[in-house]
Amino acid sequence: MGNENKLKEIEEKCREAELPLKQEAKNLVFGKGNAEAKILFVGEAPGRNEDEQGMPFVGAAGKNLDKLLNNVGLSLNDVYIANILKYRPTENRNPQPDEIREHTPWLIEQIKIMKPEVVCSLGNYATKFFLADGKVDKMEKQPGITQVHGKVKTIDFEGLKIKLIPLFHPAAIIYNRSLLGPWERDMEIVKKEIAQKTL
C-alpha cells in the first residue's frame, strides 16, 4: 500500500476520533500535497478558510506559501503540508497544551508513514514541538522562532533522522512585512537543503 492510501486510512480514523475542537469546527483539516514527498511543511492550526474547505493553507497564508514554494522552484507536487492541530481553534486563538497533546499523535502517524528527510516548521508552535521531540510539556522551554529561524538542525524524531528547518509562519509575513527579508534568506537555505534531497 502506497503512502497516499495509508494516509487516507489514518485520516478516516482521525475523522472518527473525538478530538478537542471537533465540535466547534466545520471540517477536519488533515493534510495535502505529495504523500511520497521527502519534504514536509508543518504549520500551527487551520484558520477560517482551511476550516471551510477542509484543506491546510488555502487562505492568505496559503497563497503566501504557494508563492514561496514557487520562488524556490517547488510546488505541492514536491511537498506535503500538515498542521499541529487538525481542527480550527475558535477565533484562531493559540493552541492549548491539551489540544496539542491530543492532536499531535495524528501528525506523528503522518510522519511515520511519510518518513520525511526535511521538515520545515512554520511558526512558534510547530518549531517548539519538533525541538521538544514531540513532548508537549517541554515545548515552553524551547527557543522561539525569532531565535532559531533558518537554522538547520538534525533531530532524531520518533526514530527518524530529520533535518528541521524552522521558518516564520507565512501568516506572520502578511502582518509584518519586515520579516520578508529574513524569510527569503531562509528559503535559500531550504532550497539548498532540498536540492540535496531531490538530486
C-alpha atoms as a PDB file:
ATOM      1  CA  MET A   1       0.000   0.000   0.000  1.00  0.00           C
ATOM      2  CA  GLY A   2       1.398   3.404  -1.000  1.00  0.00           C
ATOM      3  CA  ASN A   3       1.727   6.339   1.363  1.00  0.00           C
ATOM      4  CA  GLU A   4      -1.360   8.020  -0.082  1.00  0.00           C
ATOM      5  CA  ASN A   5      -3.628   5.113   0.815  1.00  0.00           C
ATOM      6  CA  LYS A   6      -2.033   4.760   4.262  1.00  0.00           C
ATOM      7  CA  LEU A   7      -2.560   8.483   4.920  1.00  0.00           C
ATOM      8  CA  LYS A   8      -6.189   8.234   3.763  1.00  0.00           C
ATOM      9  CA  GLU A   9      -6.714   5.359   6.191  1.00  0.00           C
ATOM     10  CA  ILE A  10      -5.261   7.387   9.090  1.00  0.00           C
ATOM     11  CA  GLU A  11      -7.325  10.414   8.018  1.00  0.00           C
ATOM     12  CA  GLU A  12     -10.543   8.394   8.246  1.00  0.00           C
ATOM     13  CA  LYS A  13      -9.612   7.171  11.730  1.00  0.00           C
ATOM     14  CA  CYS A  14      -8.801  10.757  12.734  1.00  0.00           C
ATOM     15  CA  ARG A  15     -12.190  11.897  11.409  1.00  0.00           C
ATOM     16  CA  GLU A  16     -13.921   9.367  13.672  1.00  0.00           C
ATOM     17  CA  ALA A  17     -11.867  10.269  16.761  1.00  0.00           C
ATOM     18  CA  GLU A  18     -13.367  12.572  19.388  1.00  0.00           C
ATOM     19  CA  LEU A  19     -10.718  15.291  19.405  1.00  0.00           C
ATOM     20  CA  PRO A  20     -10.827  18.647  21.196  1.00  0.00           C
ATOM     21  CA  LEU A  21     -12.173  21.438  18.886  1.00  0.00           C
ATOM     22  CA  LYS A  22     -14.042  18.938  16.698  1.00  0.00           C
ATOM     23  CA  GLN A  23     -17.491  20.084  17.861  1.00  0.00           C
ATOM     24  CA  GLU A  24     -16.858  23.763  17.055  1.00  0.00           C
ATOM     25  CA  ALA A  25     -15.126  23.141  13.711  1.00  0.00           C
ATOM     26  CA  LYS A  26     -16.732  22.536  10.316  1.00  0.00           C
ATOM     27  CA  ASN A  27     -14.117  20.241   8.829  1.00  0.00           C
ATOM     28  CA  LEU A  28     -11.145  18.080   9.684  1.00  0.00           C
ATOM     29  CA  VAL A  29      -8.003  19.582   8.120  1.00  0.00           C
ATOM     30  CA  PHE A  30      -5.622  16.665   7.736  1.00  0.00           C
ATOM     31  CA  GLY A  31      -3.037  17.465   5.066  1.00  0.00           C
ATOM     32  CA  LYS A  32      -2.377  17.966   1.363  1.00  0.00           C
ATOM     33  CA  GLY A  33       0.359  17.514  -1.208  1.00  0.00           C
ATOM     34  CA  ASN A  34       2.521  14.631  -2.364  1.00  0.00           C
ATOM     35  CA  ALA A  35       2.261  11.703   0.078  1.00  0.00           C
ATOM     36  CA  GLU A  36       5.592  10.333  -1.203  1.00  0.00           C
ATOM     37  CA  ALA A  37       7.428  13.659  -0.694  1.00  0.00           C
ATOM     38  CA  LYS A  38      10.559  13.767   1.455  1.00  0.00           C
ATOM     39  CA  ILE A  39       9.819  17.386   2.432  1.00  0.00           C
ATOM     40  CA  LEU A  40       7.117  18.112   4.998  1.00  0.00           C
ATOM     41  CA  PHE A  41       5.866  21.581   5.948  1.00  0.00           C
ATOM     42  CA  VAL A  42       4.119  21.732   9.327  1.00  0.00           C
ATOM     43  CA  GLY A  43       2.036  24.726  10.399  1.00  0.00           C
ATOM     44  CA  GLU A  44       0.188  25.554  13.590  1.00  0.00           C
ATOM     45  CA  ALA A  45      -3.544  25.131  13.060  1.00  0.00           C
ATOM     46  CA  PRO A  46      -6.258  25.626  10.448  1.00  0.00           C
ATOM     47  CA  GLY A  47      -7.778  29.095  10.039  1.00  0.00           C
ATOM     48  CA  ARG A  48     -11.249  30.042   8.789  1.00  0.00           C
ATOM     49  CA  ASN A  49     -10.635  29.261   5.103  1.00  0.00           C
ATOM     50  CA  GLU A  50      -8.987  25.967   5.955  1.00  0.00           C
ATOM     51  CA  ASP A  51     -11.903  25.023   8.205  1.00  0.00           C
ATOM     52  CA  GLU A  52     -14.368  25.868   5.405  1.00  0.00           C
ATOM     53  CA  GLN A  53     -12.520  23.821   2.769  1.00  0.00           C
ATOM     54  CA  GLY A  54     -11.018  21.039   4.899  1.00  0.00           C
ATOM     55  CA  MET A  55      -7.551  21.723   3.472  1.00  0.00           C
ATOM     56  CA  PRO A  56      -4.445  23.288   5.079  1.00  0.00           C
ATOM     57  CA  PHE A  57      -3.028  26.594   3.831  1.00  0.00           C
ATOM     58  CA  VAL A  58      -5.759  27.718   1.429  1.00  0.00           C
ATOM     59  CA  GLY A  59      -6.242  31.277   2.754  1.00  0.00           C
ATOM     60  CA  ALA A  60      -3.915  34.285   2.528  1.00  0.00           C
ATOM     61  CA  ALA A  61      -1.137  32.430   4.360  1.00  0.00           C
ATOM     62  CA  GLY A  62      -1.555  29.558   1.914  1.00  0.00           C
ATOM     63  CA  LYS A  63      -1.200  31.866  -1.080  1.00  0.00           C
ATOM     64  CA  ASN A  64       1.959  33.221   0.538  1.00  0.00           C
ATOM     65  CA  LEU A  65       3.262  29.687   0.999  1.00  0.00           C
ATOM     66  CA  ASP A  66       2.489  28.785  -2.631  1.00  0.00           C
ATOM     67  CA  LYS A  67       4.411  31.847  -3.789  1.00  0.00           C
ATOM     68  CA  LEU A  68       7.318  30.983  -1.505  1.00  0.00           C
ATOM     69  CA  LEU A  69       7.450  27.427  -2.847  1.00  0.00           C
ATOM     70  CA  ASN A  70       7.349  28.725  -6.421  1.00  0.00           C
ATOM     71  CA  ASN A  71      10.247  31.077  -5.650  1.00  0.00           C
ATOM     72  CA  VAL A  72      12.457  28.082  -4.935  1.00  0.00           C
ATOM     73  CA  GLY A  73      11.086  26.023  -7.810  1.00  0.00           C
ATOM     74  CA  LEU A  74       8.725  23.852  -5.766  1.00  0.00           C
ATOM     75  CA  SER A  75       5.016  23.120  -5.868  1.00  0.00           C
ATOM     76  CA  LEU A  76       2.546  20.904  -3.999  1.00  0.00           C
ATOM     77  CA  ASN A  77       3.820  18.041  -6.161  1.00  0.00           C
ATOM     78  CA  ASP A  78       7.133  18.216  -4.287  1.00  0.00           C
ATOM     79  CA  VAL A  79       5.996  18.654  -0.673  1.00  0.00           C
ATOM     80  CA  TYR A  80       3.354  17.621   1.823  1.00  0.00           C
ATOM     81  CA  ILE A  81       1.711  20.127   4.185  1.00  0.00           C
ATOM     82  CA  ALA A  82       0.073  19.421   7.544  1.00  0.00           C
ATOM     83  CA  ASN A  83      -0.638  21.167  10.867  1.00  0.00           C
ATOM     84  CA  ILE A  84      -0.064  20.584  14.566  1.00  0.00           C
ATOM     85  CA  LEU A  85      -3.853  20.830  15.159  1.00  0.00           C
ATOM     86  CA  LYS A  86      -6.299  19.052  12.870  1.00  0.00           C
ATOM     87  CA  TYR A  87      -9.261  21.312  13.731  1.00  0.00           C
ATOM     88  CA  ARG A  88      -9.512  25.084  13.875  1.00  0.00           C
ATOM     89  CA  PRO A  89      -9.270  26.703  17.321  1.00  0.00           C
ATOM     90  CA  THR A  90     -12.185  29.117  17.845  1.00  0.00           C
ATOM     91  CA  GLU A  91     -11.402  32.629  16.551  1.00  0.00           C
ATOM     92  CA  ASN A  92      -7.903  31.406  15.549  1.00  0.00           C
ATOM     93  CA  ARG A  93      -6.719  31.574  19.161  1.00  0.00           C
ATOM     94  CA  ASN A  94      -3.433  29.919  20.162  1.00  0.00           C
ATOM     95  CA  PRO A  95      -3.459  26.146  20.649  1.00  0.00           C
ATOM     96  CA  GLN A  96      -3.721  24.933  24.255  1.00  0.00           C
ATOM     97  CA  PRO A  97      -1.254  22.309  25.588  1.00  0.00           C
ATOM     98  CA  ASP A  98      -4.023  19.696  25.980  1.00  0.00           C
ATOM     99  CA  GLU A  99      -5.166  20.260  22.402  1.00  0.00           C
ATOM    100  CA  ILE A 100      -1.605  19.839  21.116  1.00  0.00           C
ATOM    101  CA  ARG A 101      -1.222  16.694  23.239  1.00  0.00           C
ATOM    102  CA  GLU A 102      -4.343  15.084  21.759  1.00  0.00           C
ATOM    103  CA  HIS A 103      -3.941  16.220  18.154  1.00  0.00           C
ATOM    104  CA  THR A 104      -0.240  15.570  17.550  1.00  0.00           C
ATOM    105  CA  PRO A 105      -0.355  11.740  17.669  1.00  0.00           C
ATOM    106  CA  TRP A 106      -2.102  12.056  14.281  1.00  0.00           C
ATOM    107  CA  LEU A 107       0.709  14.239  12.944  1.00  0.00           C
ATOM    108  CA  ILE A 108       3.221  11.690  14.268  1.00  0.00           C
ATOM    109  CA  GLU A 109       1.334   8.959  12.371  1.00  0.00           C
ATOM    110  CA  GLN A 110       1.627  11.039   9.191  1.00  0.00           C
ATOM    111  CA  ILE A 111       5.375  11.427   9.787  1.00  0.00           C
ATOM    112  CA  LYS A 112       5.866   7.704  10.439  1.00  0.00           C
ATOM    113  CA  ILE A 113       4.153   6.876   7.149  1.00  0.00           C
ATOM    114  CA  MET A 114       5.971   9.507   5.081  1.00  0.00           C
ATOM    115  CA  LYS A 115       9.429   9.336   6.717  1.00  0.00           C
ATOM    116  CA  PRO A 116      10.335  12.872   5.563  1.00  0.00           C
ATOM    117  CA  GLU A 117      14.010  13.837   5.378  1.00  0.00           C
ATOM    118  CA  VAL A 118      13.345  17.567   5.745  1.00  0.00           C
ATOM    119  CA  VAL A 119      10.700  19.167   7.980  1.00  0.00           C
ATOM    120  CA  CYS A 120      10.066  22.907   7.618  1.00  0.00           C
ATOM    121  CA  SER A 121       8.288  24.005  10.799  1.00  0.00           C
ATOM    122  CA  LEU A 122       6.190  27.123  10.260  1.00  0.00           C
ATOM    123  CA  GLY A 123       5.997  29.437  13.277  1.00  0.00           C
ATOM    124  CA  ASN A 124       6.456  29.006  17.025  1.00  0.00           C
ATOM    125  CA  TYR A 125       4.206  26.084  17.896  1.00  0.00           C
ATOM    126  CA  ALA A 126       5.364  23.724  15.161  1.00  0.00           C
ATOM    127  CA  THR A 127       9.017  24.638  15.775  1.00  0.00           C
ATOM    128  CA  LYS A 128       8.819  24.150  19.547  1.00  0.00           C
ATOM    129  CA  PHE A 129       7.003  20.838  19.077  1.00  0.00           C
ATOM    130  CA  PHE A 130       9.850  19.406  16.996  1.00  0.00           C
ATOM    131  CA  LEU A 131      12.613  20.922  19.134  1.00  0.00           C
ATOM    132  CA  ALA A 132      10.945  19.343  22.182  1.00  0.00           C
ATOM    133  CA  ASP A 133      10.953  15.982  20.369  1.00  0.00           C
ATOM    134  CA  GLY A 134       7.148  15.952  20.423  1.00  0.00           C
ATOM    135  CA  LYS A 135       6.957  16.298  24.215  1.00  0.00           C
ATOM    136  CA  VAL A 136       4.300  18.934  24.860  1.00  0.00           C
ATOM    137  CA  ASP A 137       5.406  19.649  28.438  1.00  0.00           C
ATOM    138  CA  LYS A 138       8.887  20.559  27.142  1.00  0.00           C
ATOM    139  CA  MET A 139       7.671  22.950  24.433  1.00  0.00           C
ATOM    140  CA  GLU A 140       7.606  26.018  26.676  1.00  0.00           C
ATOM    141  CA  LYS A 141      11.336  25.739  27.372  1.00  0.00           C
ATOM    142  CA  GLN A 142      12.281  25.761  23.670  1.00  0.00           C
ATOM    143  CA  PRO A 143      13.586  28.904  21.952  1.00  0.00           C
ATOM    144  CA  GLY A 144      11.113  30.927  19.879  1.00  0.00           C
ATOM    145  CA  ILE A 145      11.071  31.181  16.090  1.00  0.00           C
ATOM    146  CA  THR A 146      12.855  34.572  16.125  1.00  0.00           C
ATOM    147  CA  GLN A 147      15.945  32.910  17.606  1.00  0.00           C
ATOM    148  CA  VAL A 148      16.056  29.752  15.503  1.00  0.00           C
ATOM    149  CA  HIS A 149      14.553  30.591  12.082  1.00  0.00           C
ATOM    150  CA  GLY A 150      16.697  29.442   9.171  1.00  0.00           C
ATOM    151  CA  LYS A 151      18.997  27.368  11.397  1.00  0.00           C
ATOM    152  CA  VAL A 152      19.148  23.795  10.144  1.00  0.00           C
ATOM    153  CA  LYS A 153      19.182  21.241  12.945  1.00  0.00           C
ATOM    154  CA  THR A 154      19.313  17.464  12.610  1.00  0.00           C
ATOM    155  CA  ILE A 155      16.871  15.924  15.072  1.00  0.00           C
ATOM    156  CA  ASP A 156      16.012  12.372  15.989  1.00  0.00           C
ATOM    157  CA  PHE A 157      12.219  12.315  15.903  1.00  0.00           C
ATOM    158  CA  GLU A 158      10.349   9.070  16.557  1.00  0.00           C
ATOM    159  CA  GLY A 159      13.432   7.143  15.451  1.00  0.00           C
ATOM    160  CA  LEU A 160      13.798   9.141  12.224  1.00  0.00           C
ATOM    161  CA  LYS A 161      16.765  11.387  11.434  1.00  0.00           C
ATOM    162  CA  ILE A 162      15.182  14.589  10.174  1.00  0.00           C
ATOM    163  CA  LYS A 163      16.649  17.902   9.105  1.00  0.00           C
ATOM    164  CA  LEU A 164      14.485  20.534  10.806  1.00  0.00           C
ATOM    165  CA  ILE A 165      14.373  23.991   9.210  1.00  0.00           C
ATOM    166  CA  PRO A 166      12.331  26.455  11.319  1.00  0.00           C
ATOM    167  CA  LEU A 167      10.633  29.202   9.283  1.00  0.00           C
ATOM    168  CA  PHE A 168       8.444  32.179  10.115  1.00  0.00           C
ATOM    169  CA  HIS A 169       4.773  31.380   9.612  1.00  0.00           C
ATOM    170  CA  PRO A 170       3.534  32.652   6.210  1.00  0.00           C
ATOM    171  CA  ALA A 171       0.707  34.494   8.048  1.00  0.00           C
ATOM    172  CA  ALA A 172       3.248  36.449  10.139  1.00  0.00           C
ATOM    173  CA  ILE A 173       4.750  37.913   6.978  1.00  0.00           C
ATOM    174  CA  ILE A 174       1.358  39.255   5.914  1.00  0.00           C
ATOM    175  CA  TYR A 175       1.139  41.270   9.159  1.00  0.00           C
ATOM    176  CA  ASN A 176       4.826  42.129   9.476  1.00  0.00           C
ATOM    177  CA  ARG A 177       6.458  42.967   6.156  1.00  0.00           C
ATOM    178  CA  SER A 178       9.884  43.369   7.801  1.00  0.00           C
ATOM    179  CA  LEU A 179      10.002  39.561   8.058  1.00  0.00           C
ATOM    180  CA  LEU A 180      10.053  39.236   4.267  1.00  0.00           C
ATOM    181  CA  GLY A 181      13.849  39.675   4.007  1.00  0.00           C
ATOM    182  CA  PRO A 182      14.704  37.026   6.633  1.00  0.00           C
ATOM    183  CA  TRP A 183      12.030  34.769   5.131  1.00  0.00           C
ATOM    184  CA  GLU A 184      13.584  34.963   1.651  1.00  0.00           C
ATOM    185  CA  ARG A 185      17.068  34.282   3.053  1.00  0.00           C
ATOM    186  CA  ASP A 186      15.718  31.301   4.994  1.00  0.00           C
ATOM    187  CA  MET A 187      14.093  29.967   1.832  1.00  0.00           C
ATOM    188  CA  GLU A 188      17.505  29.978   0.143  1.00  0.00           C
ATOM    189  CA  ILE A 189      18.656  27.619   2.931  1.00  0.00           C
ATOM    190  CA  VAL A 190      15.584  25.439   2.340  1.00  0.00           C
ATOM    191  CA  LYS A 191      16.327  25.453  -1.388  1.00  0.00           C
ATOM    192  CA  LYS A 192      19.892  24.303  -0.767  1.00  0.00           C
ATOM    193  CA  GLU A 193      18.799  21.502   1.593  1.00  0.00           C
ATOM    194  CA  ILE A 194      16.030  20.414  -0.734  1.00  0.00           C
ATOM    195  CA  ALA A 195      18.351  20.400  -3.755  1.00  0.00           C
ATOM    196  CA  GLN A 196      20.448  17.795  -1.935  1.00  0.00           C
ATOM    197  CA  LYS A 197      17.357  15.680  -1.334  1.00  0.00           C
ATOM    198  CA  THR A 198      15.988  15.811  -4.869  1.00  0.00           C
ATOM    199  CA  LEU A 199      19.153  15.003  -6.800  1.00  0.00           C
END
